Protein backbone atom coordinates (compact mmCIF):
# COMPACT_ATOMS: atom_id res chain seq x y z
CA UNK A 1 -102.93 -3.49 -4.22
CA UNK A 2 -103.73 -0.92 -6.87
CA UNK A 3 -107.34 -0.47 -7.95
CA UNK A 4 -106.40 -0.95 -11.60
CA UNK A 5 -104.75 -4.29 -10.84
CA UNK A 6 -107.80 -5.52 -8.93
CA UNK A 7 -110.07 -4.48 -11.81
CA UNK A 8 -107.83 -6.28 -14.29
CA UNK A 9 -107.78 -9.48 -12.21
CA UNK A 10 -111.59 -9.46 -11.97
CA UNK A 11 -111.88 -8.92 -15.73
CA UNK A 12 -109.39 -11.70 -16.57
CA UNK A 13 -111.10 -14.25 -14.33
CA UNK A 14 -114.54 -13.28 -15.66
CA UNK A 15 -113.21 -13.51 -19.22
CA UNK A 16 -111.86 -17.01 -18.65
CA UNK A 17 -115.22 -18.10 -17.29
CA UNK A 18 -117.02 -16.37 -20.17
CA UNK A 19 -114.77 -18.10 -22.70
CA UNK A 20 -115.61 -21.53 -21.30
CA UNK A 21 -119.33 -20.73 -21.16
CA UNK A 22 -119.28 -19.57 -24.79
CA UNK A 23 -117.48 -22.75 -25.85
CA UNK A 24 -119.96 -24.93 -24.00
CA UNK A 25 -122.92 -23.05 -25.49
CA UNK A 26 -121.47 -23.01 -29.02
CA UNK A 27 -120.62 -26.68 -29.10
CA UNK A 28 -118.02 -28.04 -31.49
CA UNK A 29 -118.21 -24.98 -33.76
CA UNK A 30 -116.40 -22.68 -31.30
CA UNK A 31 -114.74 -25.04 -28.82
CA UNK A 32 -110.94 -24.70 -28.63
CA UNK A 33 -110.38 -27.06 -25.70
CA UNK A 34 -110.48 -26.15 -22.02
CA UNK A 35 -107.05 -24.53 -21.83
CA UNK A 36 -107.38 -22.42 -24.97
CA UNK A 37 -110.97 -21.44 -24.11
CA UNK A 38 -109.71 -20.14 -20.78
CA UNK A 39 -106.66 -18.42 -22.27
CA UNK A 40 -108.50 -16.70 -25.12
CA UNK A 41 -111.35 -15.77 -22.77
CA UNK A 42 -108.92 -14.28 -20.25
CA UNK A 43 -107.26 -12.19 -22.97
CA UNK A 44 -110.64 -11.03 -24.23
CA UNK A 45 -111.82 -10.27 -20.71
CA UNK A 46 -108.73 -8.25 -19.87
CA UNK A 47 -108.65 -6.23 -23.08
CA UNK A 48 -112.41 -5.83 -23.41
CA UNK A 49 -112.80 -4.95 -19.75
CA UNK A 50 -110.13 -2.26 -20.00
CA UNK A 51 -111.83 -0.77 -23.06
CA UNK A 52 -115.17 -0.83 -21.25
CA UNK A 53 -113.64 0.84 -18.19
CA UNK A 54 -112.19 3.57 -20.41
CA UNK A 55 -115.58 4.15 -22.05
CA UNK A 56 -117.54 4.04 -18.77
CA UNK A 57 -115.37 5.65 -16.05
CA UNK A 58 -117.84 4.76 -13.27
CA UNK A 59 -116.64 1.15 -13.54
CA UNK A 60 -113.12 2.20 -12.54
CA UNK A 61 -114.35 2.92 -9.01
CA UNK A 62 -114.88 -0.77 -8.22
CA UNK A 63 -111.54 -1.16 -6.45
CA UNK A 64 -111.35 2.23 -4.73
CA UNK A 65 -114.36 1.50 -2.57
CA UNK A 66 -116.73 -1.41 -2.29
CA UNK A 67 -119.23 -0.59 -5.01
CA UNK A 68 -121.16 -3.72 -5.90
CA UNK A 69 -122.63 -2.14 -9.04
CA UNK A 70 -119.21 -1.28 -10.46
CA UNK A 71 -117.89 -4.74 -9.54
CA UNK A 72 -120.81 -6.40 -11.33
CA UNK A 73 -120.08 -4.18 -14.32
CA UNK A 74 -116.45 -5.36 -14.33
CA UNK A 75 -117.52 -9.02 -14.16
CA UNK A 76 -120.14 -8.60 -16.89
CA UNK A 77 -117.83 -6.66 -19.18
CA UNK A 78 -114.96 -9.10 -18.79
CA UNK A 79 -117.20 -12.15 -19.15
CA UNK A 80 -118.95 -10.92 -22.27
CA UNK A 81 -115.70 -9.79 -23.91
CA UNK A 82 -114.09 -13.15 -23.12
CA UNK A 83 -117.06 -15.03 -24.54
CA UNK A 84 -117.09 -12.94 -27.72
CA UNK A 85 -113.37 -13.36 -28.39
CA UNK A 86 -113.52 -17.11 -27.72
CA UNK A 87 -116.46 -17.49 -30.11
CA UNK A 88 -114.68 -15.50 -32.83
CA UNK A 89 -111.36 -17.34 -32.49
CA UNK A 90 -113.10 -20.73 -32.27
CA UNK A 91 -115.21 -20.07 -35.35
CA UNK A 92 -112.18 -18.91 -37.35
CA UNK A 93 -110.09 -21.91 -36.24
CA UNK A 94 -112.80 -24.40 -37.09
CA UNK A 95 -113.51 -22.77 -40.48
CA UNK A 96 -109.81 -22.95 -41.37
CA UNK A 97 -109.62 -26.61 -40.31
CA UNK A 98 -112.59 -27.61 -42.47
């Protein structure tokens, strides 16, 4: 499997987890429901992780060889990006509903 695909999968999974963590931490103000939290988080993780990889090329080496530091960077970048996007979308949705 290509290194870029492995990186993207790691970022998407981390983003989905980050989206659910952000929703749980934010309470009703950012919660979209379990499915949408995961979906928005996965999108944020994938896109944000790819941007982070482009800005920090060292992270791209995570799939070429077993580099735990680069892998942790992929997980952190995807998770944080997923959490941020979920919080933004949840806040906007709940503001529009009120």
